[in-house]
């Protein structure tokens, strides 16, 4: 059974904190890279976050799927935009991306943006 996306993200936050004790400099540099790249320029933050979701699905990265989907929702992404983005991730990742799409992405989607009427 897959881990609840909320629990998974909380675990990753703790793991990042633990890793910061080992290599704070690299972790800080990576965080700075993320912030620099996600700044709105020609593409806005929502679009870039949605791109990250697609890449997360294509590369089978559960953390990427959850964290970037949450960022996309914070930036204003809708359920429909996330679903369309997931289809792009599947297209680019092929059949190997189907597992993360139908499991972890679906769980994350329903956690972040439940269907209307739920």
PDB file of N, CA and C in Angstrom:
ATOM      1  N   UNK A   1       0.843  -1.185   0.000  1.00  0.00           N
ATOM      2  CA  UNK A   1       0.000   0.000   0.000  1.00  0.00           C
ATOM      3  C   UNK A   1       0.885   1.244   0.000  1.00  0.00           C
ATOM      4  N   UNK A   2       0.493   2.212  -0.774  1.00  0.00           N
ATOM      5  CA  UNK A   2       1.255   3.451  -0.845  1.00  0.00           C
ATOM      6  C   UNK A   2       1.089   4.270   0.420  1.00  0.00           C
ATOM      7  N   UNK A   3       2.093   5.041   0.702  1.00  0.00           N
ATOM      8  CA  UNK A   3       2.054   5.938   1.845  1.00  0.00           C
ATOM      9  C   UNK A   3       1.150   7.123   1.519  1.00  0.00           C
ATOM     10  N   UNK A   4       0.411   7.601   2.513  1.00  0.00           N
ATOM     11  CA  UNK A   4      -0.422   8.789   2.355  1.00  0.00           C
ATOM     12  C   UNK A   4       0.469   9.946   1.913  1.00  0.00           C
ATOM     13  N   UNK A   5       0.082  10.687   0.867  1.00  0.00           N
ATOM     14  CA  UNK A   5       0.931  11.782   0.388  1.00  0.00           C
ATOM     15  C   UNK A   5       1.286  12.806   1.468  1.00  0.00           C
ATOM     16  N   UNK A   6       0.352  13.093   2.388  1.00  0.00           N
ATOM     17  CA  UNK A   6       0.656  14.051   3.467  1.00  0.00           C
ATOM     18  C   UNK A   6       1.747  13.499   4.380  1.00  0.00           C
ATOM     19  N   UNK A   7       1.631  12.230   4.723  1.00  0.00           N
ATOM     20  CA  UNK A   7       2.628  11.581   5.580  1.00  0.00           C
ATOM     21  C   UNK A   7       3.964  11.519   4.850  1.00  0.00           C
ATOM     22  N   UNK A   8       3.913  11.190   3.570  1.00  0.00           N
ATOM     23  CA  UNK A   8       5.127  11.104   2.759  1.00  0.00           C
ATOM     24  C   UNK A   8       5.850  12.444   2.720  1.00  0.00           C
ATOM     25  N   UNK A   9       5.115  13.534   2.481  1.00  0.00           N
ATOM     26  CA  UNK A   9       5.737  14.862   2.431  1.00  0.00           C
ATOM     27  C   UNK A   9       6.321  15.248   3.780  1.00  0.00           C
ATOM     28  N   UNK A  10       5.614  14.935   4.854  1.00  0.00           N
ATOM     29  CA  UNK A  10       6.119  15.238   6.196  1.00  0.00           C
ATOM     30  C   UNK A  10       7.412  14.464   6.461  1.00  0.00           C
ATOM     31  N   UNK A  11       7.431  13.208   6.058  1.00  0.00           N
ATOM     32  CA  UNK A  11       8.634  12.383   6.215  1.00  0.00           C
ATOM     33  C   UNK A  11       9.800  12.992   5.437  1.00  0.00           C
ATOM     34  N   UNK A  12       9.535  13.439   4.225  1.00  0.00           N
ATOM     35  CA  UNK A  12      10.596  14.034   3.403  1.00  0.00           C
ATOM     36  C   UNK A  12      11.118  15.328   4.025  1.00  0.00           C
ATOM     37  N   UNK A  13      10.228  16.128   4.604  1.00  0.00           N
ATOM     38  CA  UNK A  13      10.677  17.351   5.283  1.00  0.00           C
ATOM     39  C   UNK A  13      11.648  17.003   6.400  1.00  0.00           C
ATOM     40  N   UNK A  14      11.304  15.978   7.180  1.00  0.00           N
ATOM     41  CA  UNK A  14      12.191  15.537   8.252  1.00  0.00           C
ATOM     42  C   UNK A  14      13.508  15.006   7.716  1.00  0.00           C
ATOM     43  N   UNK A  15      13.433  14.259   6.619  1.00  0.00           N
ATOM     44  CA  UNK A  15      14.649  13.711   6.017  1.00  0.00           C
ATOM     45  C   UNK A  15      15.546  14.826   5.490  1.00  0.00           C
ATOM     46  N   UNK A  16      14.955  15.843   4.897  1.00  0.00           N
ATOM     47  CA  UNK A  16      15.748  16.981   4.414  1.00  0.00           C
ATOM     48  C   UNK A  16      16.421  17.701   5.575  1.00  0.00           C
ATOM     49  N   UNK A  17      15.692  17.830   6.680  1.00  0.00           N
ATOM     50  CA  UNK A  17      16.282  18.442   7.871  1.00  0.00           C
ATOM     51  C   UNK A  17      17.455  17.631   8.390  1.00  0.00           C
ATOM     52  N   UNK A  18      17.314  16.310   8.359  1.00  0.00           N
ATOM     53  CA  UNK A  18      18.406  15.438   8.781  1.00  0.00           C
ATOM     54  C   UNK A  18      19.599  15.534   7.851  1.00  0.00           C
ATOM     55  N   UNK A  19      19.317  15.609   6.560  1.00  0.00           N
ATOM     56  CA  UNK A  19      20.411  15.717   5.591  1.00  0.00           C
ATOM     57  C   UNK A  19      21.116  17.063   5.707  1.00  0.00           C
ATOM     58  N   UNK A  20      20.372  18.090   6.075  1.00  0.00           N
ATOM     59  CA  UNK A  20      20.977  19.424   6.242  1.00  0.00           C
ATOM     60  C   UNK A  20      22.075  19.392   7.299  1.00  0.00           C
ATOM     61  N   UNK A  21      21.947  18.501   8.278  1.00  0.00           N
ATOM     62  CA  UNK A  21      22.985  18.371   9.302  1.00  0.00           C
ATOM     63  C   UNK A  21      24.265  17.771   8.718  1.00  0.00           C
ATOM     64  N   UNK A  22      24.125  17.010   7.647  1.00  0.00           N
ATOM     65  CA  UNK A  22      25.264  16.357   7.005  1.00  0.00           C
ATOM     66  C   UNK A  22      25.905  17.260   5.955  1.00  0.00           C
ATOM     67  N   UNK A  23      25.067  17.936   5.157  1.00  0.00           N
ATOM     68  CA  UNK A  23      25.584  18.739   4.043  1.00  0.00           C
ATOM     69  C   UNK A  23      24.679  19.947   3.800  1.00  0.00           C
ATOM     70  N   UNK A  24      24.705  20.863   4.749  1.00  0.00           N
ATOM     71  CA  UNK A  24      23.843  22.044   4.698  1.00  0.00           C
ATOM     72  C   UNK A  24      24.127  22.904   3.467  1.00  0.00           C
ATOM     73  N   UNK A  25      25.385  23.023   3.094  1.00  0.00           N
ATOM     74  CA  UNK A  25      25.773  23.897   1.985  1.00  0.00           C
ATOM     75  C   UNK A  25      25.147  23.451   0.658  1.00  0.00           C
ATOM     76  N   UNK A  26      25.228  22.164   0.375  1.00  0.00           N
ATOM     77  CA  UNK A  26      24.669  21.646  -0.876  1.00  0.00           C
ATOM     78  C   UNK A  26      23.152  21.771  -0.883  1.00  0.00           C
ATOM     79  N   UNK A  27      22.522  21.448   0.240  1.00  0.00           N
ATOM     80  CA  UNK A  27      21.071  21.536   0.337  1.00  0.00           C
ATOM     81  C   UNK A  27      20.601  22.977   0.151  1.00  0.00           C
ATOM     82  N   UNK A  28      21.326  23.921   0.732  1.00  0.00           N
ATOM     83  CA  UNK A  28      20.983  25.336   0.580  1.00  0.00           C
ATOM     84  C   UNK A  28      21.134  25.769  -0.879  1.00  0.00           C
ATOM     85  N   UNK A  29      22.202  25.334  -1.526  1.00  0.00           N
ATOM     86  CA  UNK A  29      22.423  25.676  -2.935  1.00  0.00           C
ATOM     87  C   UNK A  29      21.305  25.109  -3.809  1.00  0.00           C
ATOM     88  N   UNK A  30      20.889  23.889  -3.518  1.00  0.00           N
ATOM     89  CA  UNK A  30      19.805  23.276  -4.284  1.00  0.00           C
ATOM     90  C   UNK A  30      18.502  24.038  -4.066  1.00  0.00           C
ATOM     91  N   UNK A  31      18.240  24.441  -2.824  1.00  0.00           N
ATOM     92  CA  UNK A  31      17.050  25.239  -2.526  1.00  0.00           C
ATOM     93  C   UNK A  31      17.071  26.569  -3.257  1.00  0.00           C
ATOM     94  N   UNK A  32      18.232  27.195  -3.302  1.00  0.00           N
ATOM     95  CA  UNK A  32      18.372  28.457  -4.036  1.00  0.00           C
ATOM     96  C   UNK A  32      18.126  28.249  -5.525  1.00  0.00           C
ATOM     97  N   UNK A  33      18.628  27.143  -6.069  1.00  0.00           N
ATOM     98  CA  UNK A  33      18.395  26.825  -7.475  1.00  0.00           C
ATOM     99  C   UNK A  33      16.893  26.690  -7.743  1.00  0.00           C
ATOM    100  N   UNK A  34      16.204  25.961  -6.874  1.00  0.00           N
ATOM    101  CA  UNK A  34      14.761  25.787  -7.027  1.00  0.00           C
ATOM    102  C   UNK A  34      14.043  27.127  -7.046  1.00  0.00           C
ATOM    103  N   UNK A  35      14.358  27.974  -6.085  1.00  0.00           N
ATOM    104  CA  UNK A  35      13.693  29.281  -6.011  1.00  0.00           C
ATOM    105  C   UNK A  35      13.997  30.139  -7.226  1.00  0.00           C
ATOM    106  N   UNK A  36      15.232  30.129  -7.671  1.00  0.00           N
ATOM    107  CA  UNK A  36      15.620  30.921  -8.839  1.00  0.00           C
ATOM    108  C   UNK A  36      14.870  30.451 -10.086  1.00  0.00           C
ATOM    109  N   UNK A  37      14.845  29.151 -10.300  1.00  0.00           N
ATOM    110  CA  UNK A  37      14.200  28.603 -11.494  1.00  0.00           C
ATOM    111  C   UNK A  37      12.685  28.815 -11.459  1.00  0.00           C
ATOM    112  N   UNK A  38      12.068  28.696 -10.291  1.00  0.00           N
ATOM    113  CA  UNK A  38      10.609  28.801 -10.199  1.00  0.00           C
ATOM    114  C   UNK A  38      10.085  30.238 -10.195  1.00  0.00           C
ATOM    115  N   UNK A  39      10.967  31.222 -10.140  1.00  0.00           N
ATOM    116  CA  UNK A  39      10.507  32.611 -10.191  1.00  0.00           C
ATOM    117  C   UNK A  39       9.766  32.858 -11.499  1.00  0.00           C
ATOM    118  N   UNK A  40       8.704  33.652 -11.413  1.00  0.00           N
ATOM    119  CA  UNK A  40       7.941  33.993 -12.613  1.00  0.00           C
ATOM    120  C   UNK A  40       8.743  34.922 -13.501  1.00  0.00           C
ATOM    121  N   UNK A  41       8.937  34.493 -14.710  1.00  0.00           N
ATOM    122  CA  UNK A  41       9.604  35.289 -15.747  1.00  0.00           C
ATOM    123  C   UNK A  41       8.754  35.111 -16.996  1.00  0.00           C
ATOM    124  N   UNK A  42       9.298  34.530 -18.056  1.00  0.00           N
ATOM    125  CA  UNK A  42       8.499  34.261 -19.252  1.00  0.00           C
ATOM    126  C   UNK A  42       7.395  33.240 -18.944  1.00  0.00           C
ATOM    127  N   UNK A  43       7.696  32.305 -18.039  1.00  0.00           N
ATOM    128  CA  UNK A  43       6.705  31.339 -17.559  1.00  0.00           C
ATOM    129  C   UNK A  43       6.422  31.636 -16.097  1.00  0.00           C
ATOM    130  N   UNK A  44       5.155  31.538 -15.713  1.00  0.00           N
ATOM    131  CA  UNK A  44       4.824  31.799 -14.309  1.00  0.00           C
ATOM    132  C   UNK A  44       5.100  30.565 -13.446  1.00  0.00           C
ATOM    133  N   UNK A  45       5.055  30.776 -12.128  1.00  0.00           N
ATOM    134  CA  UNK A  45       5.381  29.724 -11.158  1.00  0.00           C
ATOM    135  C   UNK A  45       4.451  28.523 -11.298  1.00  0.00           C
ATOM    136  N   UNK A  46       3.172  28.780 -11.546  1.00  0.00           N
ATOM    137  CA  UNK A  46       2.216  27.678 -11.698  1.00  0.00           C
ATOM    138  C   UNK A  46       2.609  26.794 -12.877  1.00  0.00           C
ATOM    139  N   UNK A  47       2.904  27.403 -14.008  1.00  0.00           N
ATOM    140  CA  UNK A  47       3.277  26.640 -15.201  1.00  0.00           C
ATOM    141  C   UNK A  47       4.527  25.810 -14.949  1.00  0.00           C
ATOM    142  N   UNK A  48       5.514  26.426 -14.317  1.00  0.00           N
ATOM    143  CA  UNK A  48       6.755  25.703 -14.025  1.00  0.00           C
ATOM    144  C   UNK A  48       6.506  24.557 -13.045  1.00  0.00           C
ATOM    145  N   UNK A  49       5.650  24.779 -12.059  1.00  0.00           N
ATOM    146  CA  UNK A  49       5.332  23.716 -11.096  1.00  0.00           C
ATOM    147  C   UNK A  49       4.598  22.571 -11.780  1.00  0.00           C
ATOM    148  N   UNK A  50       3.698  22.894 -12.702  1.00  0.00           N
ATOM    149  CA  UNK A  50       3.007  21.853 -13.462  1.00  0.00           C
ATOM    150  C   UNK A  50       3.994  21.066 -14.322  1.00  0.00           C
ATOM    151  N   UNK A  51       4.953  21.752 -14.904  1.00  0.00           N
ATOM    152  CA  UNK A  51       5.998  21.061 -15.672  1.00  0.00           C
ATOM    153  C   UNK A  51       6.736  20.074 -14.773  1.00  0.00           C
ATOM    154  N   UNK A  52       7.011  20.487 -13.551  1.00  0.00           N
ATOM    155  CA  UNK A  52       7.712  19.612 -12.596  1.00  0.00           C
ATOM    156  C   UNK A  52       6.879  18.379 -12.264  1.00  0.00           C
ATOM    157  N   UNK A  53       5.552  18.539 -12.172  1.00  0.00           N
ATOM    158  CA  UNK A  53       4.676  17.387 -11.917  1.00  0.00           C
ATOM    159  C   UNK A  53       4.799  16.386 -13.064  1.00  0.00           C
ATOM    160  N   UNK A  54       4.732  16.881 -14.295  1.00  0.00           N
ATOM    161  CA  UNK A  54       4.843  15.993 -15.460  1.00  0.00           C
ATOM    162  C   UNK A  54       6.177  15.253 -15.455  1.00  0.00           C
ATOM    163  N   UNK A  55       7.238  15.975 -15.147  1.00  0.00           N
ATOM    164  CA  UNK A  55       8.561  15.344 -15.099  1.00  0.00           C
ATOM    165  C   UNK A  55       8.625  14.328 -13.962  1.00  0.00           C
ATOM    166  N   UNK A  56       8.010  14.646 -12.827  1.00  0.00           N
ATOM    167  CA  UNK A  56       7.971  13.709 -11.703  1.00  0.00           C
ATOM    168  C   UNK A  56       7.278  12.408 -12.072  1.00  0.00           C
ATOM    169  N   UNK A  57       6.173  12.516 -12.811  1.00  0.00           N
ATOM    170  CA  UNK A  57       5.460  11.312 -13.257  1.00  0.00           C
ATOM    171  C   UNK A  57       6.322  10.533 -14.242  1.00  0.00           C
ATOM    172  N   UNK A  58       6.888  11.235 -15.207  1.00  0.00           N
ATOM    173  CA  UNK A  58       7.711  10.571 -16.225  1.00  0.00           C
ATOM    174  C   UNK A  58       8.935   9.892 -15.618  1.00  0.00           C
ATOM    175  N   UNK A  59       9.466  10.466 -14.527  1.00  0.00           N
ATOM    176  CA  UNK A  59      10.675   9.901 -13.908  1.00  0.00           C
ATOM    177  C   UNK A  59      10.381   9.046 -12.675  1.00  0.00           C
ATOM    178  N   UNK A  60       9.090   8.815 -12.383  1.00  0.00           N
ATOM    179  CA  UNK A  60       8.643   7.929 -11.296  1.00  0.00           C
ATOM    180  C   UNK A  60       9.068   8.432  -9.922  1.00  0.00           C
ATOM    181  N   UNK A  61       9.097   9.735  -9.722  1.00  0.00           N
ATOM    182  CA  UNK A  61       9.557  10.332  -8.461  1.00  0.00           C
ATOM    183  C   UNK A  61       8.354  10.718  -7.600  1.00  0.00           C
ATOM    184  N   UNK A  62       8.031   9.879  -6.611  1.00  0.00           N
ATOM    185  CA  UNK A  62       6.864  10.132  -5.765  1.00  0.00           C
ATOM    186  C   UNK A  62       6.973  11.460  -5.029  1.00  0.00           C
ATOM    187  N   UNK A  63       8.151  11.758  -4.498  1.00  0.00           N
ATOM    188  CA  UNK A  63       8.326  13.035  -3.802  1.00  0.00           C
ATOM    189  C   UNK A  63       8.076  14.188  -4.759  1.00  0.00           C
ATOM    190  N   UNK A  64       8.618  14.097  -5.966  1.00  0.00           N
ATOM    191  CA  UNK A  64       8.437  15.174  -6.949  1.00  0.00           C
ATOM    192  C   UNK A  64       6.958  15.366  -7.261  1.00  0.00           C
ATOM    193  N   UNK A  65       6.242  14.272  -7.434  1.00  0.00           N
ATOM    194  CA  UNK A  65       4.817  14.351  -7.745  1.00  0.00           C
ATOM    195  C   UNK A  65       4.084  15.083  -6.634  1.00  0.00           C
ATOM    196  N   UNK A  66       4.272  14.663  -5.393  1.00  0.00           N
ATOM    197  CA  UNK A  66       3.549  15.271  -4.269  1.00  0.00           C
ATOM    198  C   UNK A  66       3.961  16.713  -4.021  1.00  0.00           C
ATOM    199  N   UNK A  67       5.257  16.941  -3.924  1.00  0.00           N
ATOM    200  CA  UNK A  67       5.737  18.284  -3.587  1.00  0.00           C
ATOM    201  C   UNK A  67       5.403  19.283  -4.683  1.00  0.00           C
ATOM    202  N   UNK A  68       5.621  18.908  -5.925  1.00  0.00           N
ATOM    203  CA  UNK A  68       5.375  19.845  -7.029  1.00  0.00           C
ATOM    204  C   UNK A  68       3.889  20.032  -7.288  1.00  0.00           C
ATOM    205  N   UNK A  69       3.075  19.014  -7.068  1.00  0.00           N
ATOM    206  CA  UNK A  69       1.624  19.190  -7.197  1.00  0.00           C
ATOM    207  C   UNK A  69       1.121  20.155  -6.128  1.00  0.00           C
ATOM    208  N   UNK A  70       1.634  20.027  -4.907  1.00  0.00           N
ATOM    209  CA  UNK A  70       1.251  20.963  -3.841  1.00  0.00           C
ATOM    210  C   UNK A  70       1.674  22.384  -4.200  1.00  0.00           C
ATOM    211  N   UNK A  71       2.876  22.543  -4.746  1.00  0.00           N
ATOM    212  CA  UNK A  71       3.332  23.872  -5.179  1.00  0.00           C
ATOM    213  C   UNK A  71       2.434  24.419  -6.281  1.00  0.00           C
ATOM    214  N   UNK A  72       2.050  23.571  -7.211  1.00  0.00           N
ATOM    215  CA  UNK A  72       1.199  24.011  -8.317  1.00  0.00           C
ATOM    216  C   UNK A  72      -0.158  24.483  -7.797  1.00  0.00           C
ATOM    217  N   UNK A  73      -0.730  23.740  -6.851  1.00  0.00           N
ATOM    218  CA  UNK A  73      -2.016  24.138  -6.270  1.00  0.00           C
ATOM    219  C   UNK A  73      -1.866  25.466  -5.530  1.00  0.00           C
ATOM    220  N   UNK A  74      -0.784  25.623  -4.772  1.00  0.00           N
ATOM    221  CA  UNK A  74      -0.532  26.898  -4.090  1.00  0.00           C
ATOM    222  C   UNK A  74      -0.418  28.041  -5.083  1.00  0.00           C
ATOM    223  N   UNK A  75       0.082  27.749  -6.271  1.00  0.00           N
ATOM    224  CA  UNK A  75       0.250  28.775  -7.302  1.00  0.00           C
ATOM    225  C   UNK A  75      -1.025  28.972  -8.129  1.00  0.00           C
ATOM    226  N   UNK A  76      -2.088  28.228  -7.796  1.00  0.00           N
ATOM    227  CA  UNK A  76      -3.375  28.430  -8.456  1.00  0.00           C
ATOM    228  C   UNK A  76      -3.805  27.362  -9.438  1.00  0.00           C
ATOM    229  N   UNK A  77      -3.088  26.255  -9.517  1.00  0.00           N
ATOM    230  CA  UNK A  77      -3.459  25.195 -10.458  1.00  0.00           C
ATOM    231  C   UNK A  77      -4.774  24.542 -10.045  1.00  0.00           C
ATOM    232  N   UNK A  78      -5.564  24.200 -11.030  1.00  0.00           N
ATOM    233  CA  UNK A  78      -6.838  23.528 -10.801  1.00  0.00           C
ATOM    234  C   UNK A  78      -6.670  22.019 -10.927  1.00  0.00           C
ATOM    235  N   UNK A  79      -7.687  21.296 -10.510  1.00  0.00           N
ATOM    236  CA  UNK A  79      -7.704  19.838 -10.651  1.00  0.00           C
ATOM    237  C   UNK A  79      -7.542  19.455 -12.126  1.00  0.00           C
ATOM    238  N   UNK A  80      -8.277  20.156 -12.984  1.00  0.00           N
ATOM    239  CA  UNK A  80      -8.229  19.859 -14.415  1.00  0.00           C
ATOM    240  C   UNK A  80      -6.833  20.097 -14.988  1.00  0.00           C
ATOM    241  N   UNK A  81      -6.170  21.159 -14.551  1.00  0.00           N
ATOM    242  CA  UNK A  81      -4.806  21.430 -15.018  1.00  0.00           C
ATOM    243  C   UNK A  81      -3.844  20.337 -14.560  1.00  0.00           C
ATOM    244  N   UNK A  82      -4.014  19.875 -13.338  1.00  0.00           N
ATOM    245  CA  UNK A  82      -3.160  18.794 -12.831  1.00  0.00           C
ATOM    246  C   UNK A  82      -3.384  17.500 -13.612  1.00  0.00           C
ATOM    247  N   UNK A  83      -4.640  17.201 -13.915  1.00  0.00           N
ATOM    248  CA  UNK A  83      -4.950  15.981 -14.667  1.00  0.00           C
ATOM    249  C   UNK A  83      -4.348  16.051 -16.070  1.00  0.00           C
ATOM    250  N   UNK A  84      -4.484  17.203 -16.721  1.00  0.00           N
ATOM    251  CA  UNK A  84      -3.910  17.360 -18.062  1.00  0.00           C
ATOM    252  C   UNK A  84      -2.384  17.269 -18.020  1.00  0.00           C
ATOM    253  N   UNK A  85      -1.804  17.848 -16.989  1.00  0.00           N
ATOM    254  CA  UNK A  85      -0.353  17.770 -16.800  1.00  0.00           C
ATOM    255  C   UNK A  85       0.089  16.325 -16.612  1.00  0.00           C
ATOM    256  N   UNK A  86      -0.677  15.563 -15.844  1.00  0.00           N
ATOM    257  CA  UNK A  86      -0.346  14.157 -15.612  1.00  0.00           C
ATOM    258  C   UNK A  86      -0.361  13.371 -16.918  1.00  0.00           C
ATOM    259  N   UNK A  87      -1.286  13.706 -17.807  1.00  0.00           N
ATOM    260  CA  UNK A  87      -1.339  13.030 -19.103  1.00  0.00           C
ATOM    261  C   UNK A  87      -0.066  13.302 -19.907  1.00  0.00           C
ATOM    262  N   UNK A  88       0.451  14.526 -19.812  1.00  0.00           N
ATOM    263  CA  UNK A  88       1.715  14.850 -20.485  1.00  0.00           C
ATOM    264  C   UNK A  88       2.844  14.009 -19.887  1.00  0.00           C
ATOM    265  N   UNK A  89       2.861  13.892 -18.558  1.00  0.00           N
ATOM    266  CA  UNK A  89       3.877  13.069 -17.901  1.00  0.00           C
ATOM    267  C   UNK A  89       3.811  11.622 -18.359  1.00  0.00           C
ATOM    268  N   UNK A  90       2.588  11.106 -18.507  1.00  0.00           N
ATOM    269  CA  UNK A  90       2.414   9.734 -18.988  1.00  0.00           C
ATOM    270  C   UNK A  90       2.908   9.604 -20.427  1.00  0.00           C
ATOM    271  N   UNK A  91       2.553  10.582 -21.263  1.00  0.00           N
ATOM    272  CA  UNK A  91       2.990  10.547 -22.654  1.00  0.00           C
ATOM    273  C   UNK A  91       4.516  10.508 -22.739  1.00  0.00           C
ATOM    274  N   UNK A  92       5.172  11.325 -21.945  1.00  0.00           N
ATOM    275  CA  UNK A  92       6.631  11.409 -21.995  1.00  0.00           C
ATOM    276  C   UNK A  92       7.305  10.227 -21.302  1.00  0.00           C
ATOM    277  N   UNK A  93       6.657   9.659 -20.295  1.00  0.00           N
ATOM    278  CA  UNK A  93       7.258   8.563 -19.538  1.00  0.00           C
ATOM    279  C   UNK A  93       6.910   7.182 -20.048  1.00  0.00           C
ATOM    280  N   UNK A  94       5.907   7.102 -20.910  1.00  0.00           N
ATOM    281  CA  UNK A  94       5.507   5.815 -21.455  1.00  0.00           C
ATOM    282  C   UNK A  94       4.858   4.913 -20.417  1.00  0.00           C
ATOM    283  N   UNK A  95       4.807   3.634 -20.713  1.00  0.00           N
ATOM    284  CA  UNK A  95       4.087   2.700 -19.850  1.00  0.00           C
ATOM    285  C   UNK A  95       4.674   2.618 -18.444  1.00  0.00           C
ATOM    286  N   UNK A  96       5.967   2.892 -18.286  1.00  0.00           N
ATOM    287  CA  UNK A  96       6.562   2.856 -16.943  1.00  0.00           C
ATOM    288  C   UNK A  96       6.027   3.964 -16.046  1.00  0.00           C
ATOM    289  N   UNK A  97       5.483   5.021 -16.634  1.00  0.00           N
ATOM    290  CA  UNK A  97       4.925   6.123 -15.848  1.00  0.00           C
ATOM    291  C   UNK A  97       3.495   5.834 -15.398  1.00  0.00           C
ATOM    292  N   UNK A  98       2.876   4.788 -15.925  1.00  0.00           N
ATOM    293  CA  UNK A  98       1.487   4.482 -15.585  1.00  0.00           C
ATOM    294  C   UNK A  98       1.328   4.172 -14.099  1.00  0.00           C
ATOM    295  N   UNK A  99       2.248   3.428 -13.512  1.00  0.00           N
ATOM    296  CA  UNK A  99       2.152   3.085 -12.087  1.00  0.00           C
ATOM    297  C   UNK A  99       2.096   4.314 -11.199  1.00  0.00           C
ATOM    298  N   UNK A 100       3.080   5.222 -11.298  1.00  0.00           N
ATOM    299  CA  UNK A 100       3.030   6.428 -10.474  1.00  0.00           C
ATOM    300  C   UNK A 100       1.809   7.293 -10.768  1.00  0.00           C
ATOM    301  N   UNK A 101       1.346   7.294 -12.018  1.00  0.00           N
ATOM    302  CA  UNK A 101       0.191   8.107 -12.387  1.00  0.00           C
ATOM    303  C   UNK A 101      -1.073   7.606 -11.707  1.00  0.00           C
ATOM    304  N   UNK A 102      -1.351   6.312 -11.825  1.00  0.00           N
ATOM    305  CA  UNK A 102      -2.622   5.800 -11.311  1.00  0.00           C
ATOM    306  C   UNK A 102      -2.606   5.574  -9.806  1.00  0.00           C
ATOM    307  N   UNK A 103      -1.442   5.611  -9.202  1.00  0.00           N
ATOM    308  CA  UNK A 103      -1.375   5.417  -7.752  1.00  0.00           C
ATOM    309  C   UNK A 103      -1.032   6.723  -7.048  1.00  0.00           C
ATOM    310  N   UNK A 104       0.221   7.078  -7.042  1.00  0.00           N
ATOM    311  CA  UNK A 104       0.665   8.207  -6.224  1.00  0.00           C
ATOM    312  C   UNK A 104       0.096   9.535  -6.699  1.00  0.00           C
ATOM    313  N   UNK A 105       0.062   9.771  -8.011  1.00  0.00           N
ATOM    314  CA  UNK A 105      -0.507  11.025  -8.501  1.00  0.00           C
ATOM    315  C   UNK A 105      -1.987  11.113  -8.153  1.00  0.00           C
ATOM    316  N   UNK A 106      -2.733  10.035  -8.375  1.00  0.00           N
ATOM    317  CA  UNK A 106      -4.169  10.052  -8.094  1.00  0.00           C
ATOM    318  C   UNK A 106      -4.431  10.310  -6.618  1.00  0.00           C
ATOM    319  N   UNK A 107      -3.682   9.664  -5.739  1.00  0.00           N
ATOM    320  CA  UNK A 107      -3.839   9.901  -4.298  1.00  0.00           C
ATOM    321  C   UNK A 107      -3.520  11.347  -3.942  1.00  0.00           C
ATOM    322  N   UNK A 108      -2.448  11.878  -4.518  1.00  0.00           N
ATOM    323  CA  UNK A 108      -2.053  13.263  -4.254  1.00  0.00           C
ATOM    324  C   UNK A 108      -3.106  14.225  -4.776  1.00  0.00           C
ATOM    325  N   UNK A 109      -3.591  13.991  -5.988  1.00  0.00           N
ATOM    326  CA  UNK A 109      -4.626  14.836  -6.580  1.00  0.00           C
ATOM    327  C   UNK A 109      -5.859  14.883  -5.691  1.00  0.00           C
ATOM    328  N   UNK A 110      -6.330  13.724  -5.256  1.00  0.00           N
ATOM    329  CA  UNK A 110      -7.532  13.671  -4.425  1.00  0.00           C
ATOM    330  C   UNK A 110      -7.321  14.298  -3.055  1.00  0.00           C
ATOM    331  N   UNK A 111      -6.093  14.263  -2.554  1.00  0.00           N
ATOM    332  CA  UNK A 111      -5.790  14.909  -1.282  1.00  0.00           C
ATOM    333  C   UNK A 111      -5.786  16.426  -1.439  1.00  0.00           C
ATOM    334  N   UNK A 112      -5.150  16.916  -2.504  1.00  0.00           N
ATOM    335  CA  UNK A 112      -4.978  18.357  -2.686  1.00  0.00           C
ATOM    336  C   UNK A 112      -6.216  19.050  -3.225  1.00  0.00           C
ATOM    337  N   UNK A 113      -6.870  18.413  -4.194  1.00  0.00           N
ATOM    338  CA  UNK A 113      -8.009  19.032  -4.874  1.00  0.00           C
ATOM    339  C   UNK A 113      -9.087  17.966  -5.067  1.00  0.00           C
ATOM    340  N   UNK A 114      -9.879  17.701  -4.032  1.00  0.00           N
ATOM    341  CA  UNK A 114     -10.910  16.665  -4.154  1.00  0.00           C
ATOM    342  C   UNK A 114     -11.911  17.016  -5.261  1.00  0.00           C
ATOM    343  N   UNK A 115     -12.529  15.985  -5.819  1.00  0.00           N
ATOM    344  CA  UNK A 115     -13.566  16.223  -6.820  1.00  0.00           C
ATOM    345  C   UNK A 115     -14.693  17.018  -6.184  1.00  0.00           C
ATOM    346  N   UNK A 116     -15.369  17.826  -6.975  1.00  0.00           N
ATOM    347  CA  UNK A 116     -16.516  18.594  -6.478  1.00  0.00           C
ATOM    348  C   UNK A 116     -17.560  17.637  -5.937  1.00  0.00           C
ATOM    349  N   UNK A 117     -18.129  18.005  -4.803  1.00  0.00           N
ATOM    350  CA  UNK A 117     -19.164  17.189  -4.205  1.00  0.00           C
ATOM    351  C   UNK A 117     -18.659  16.167  -3.215  1.00  0.00           C
ATOM    352  N   UNK A 118     -17.347  16.058  -3.039  1.00  0.00           N
ATOM    353  CA  UNK A 118     -16.799  15.094  -2.068  1.00  0.00           C
ATOM    354  C   UNK A 118     -16.782  15.701  -0.692  1.00  0.00           C
TER     355      UNK A 118
END
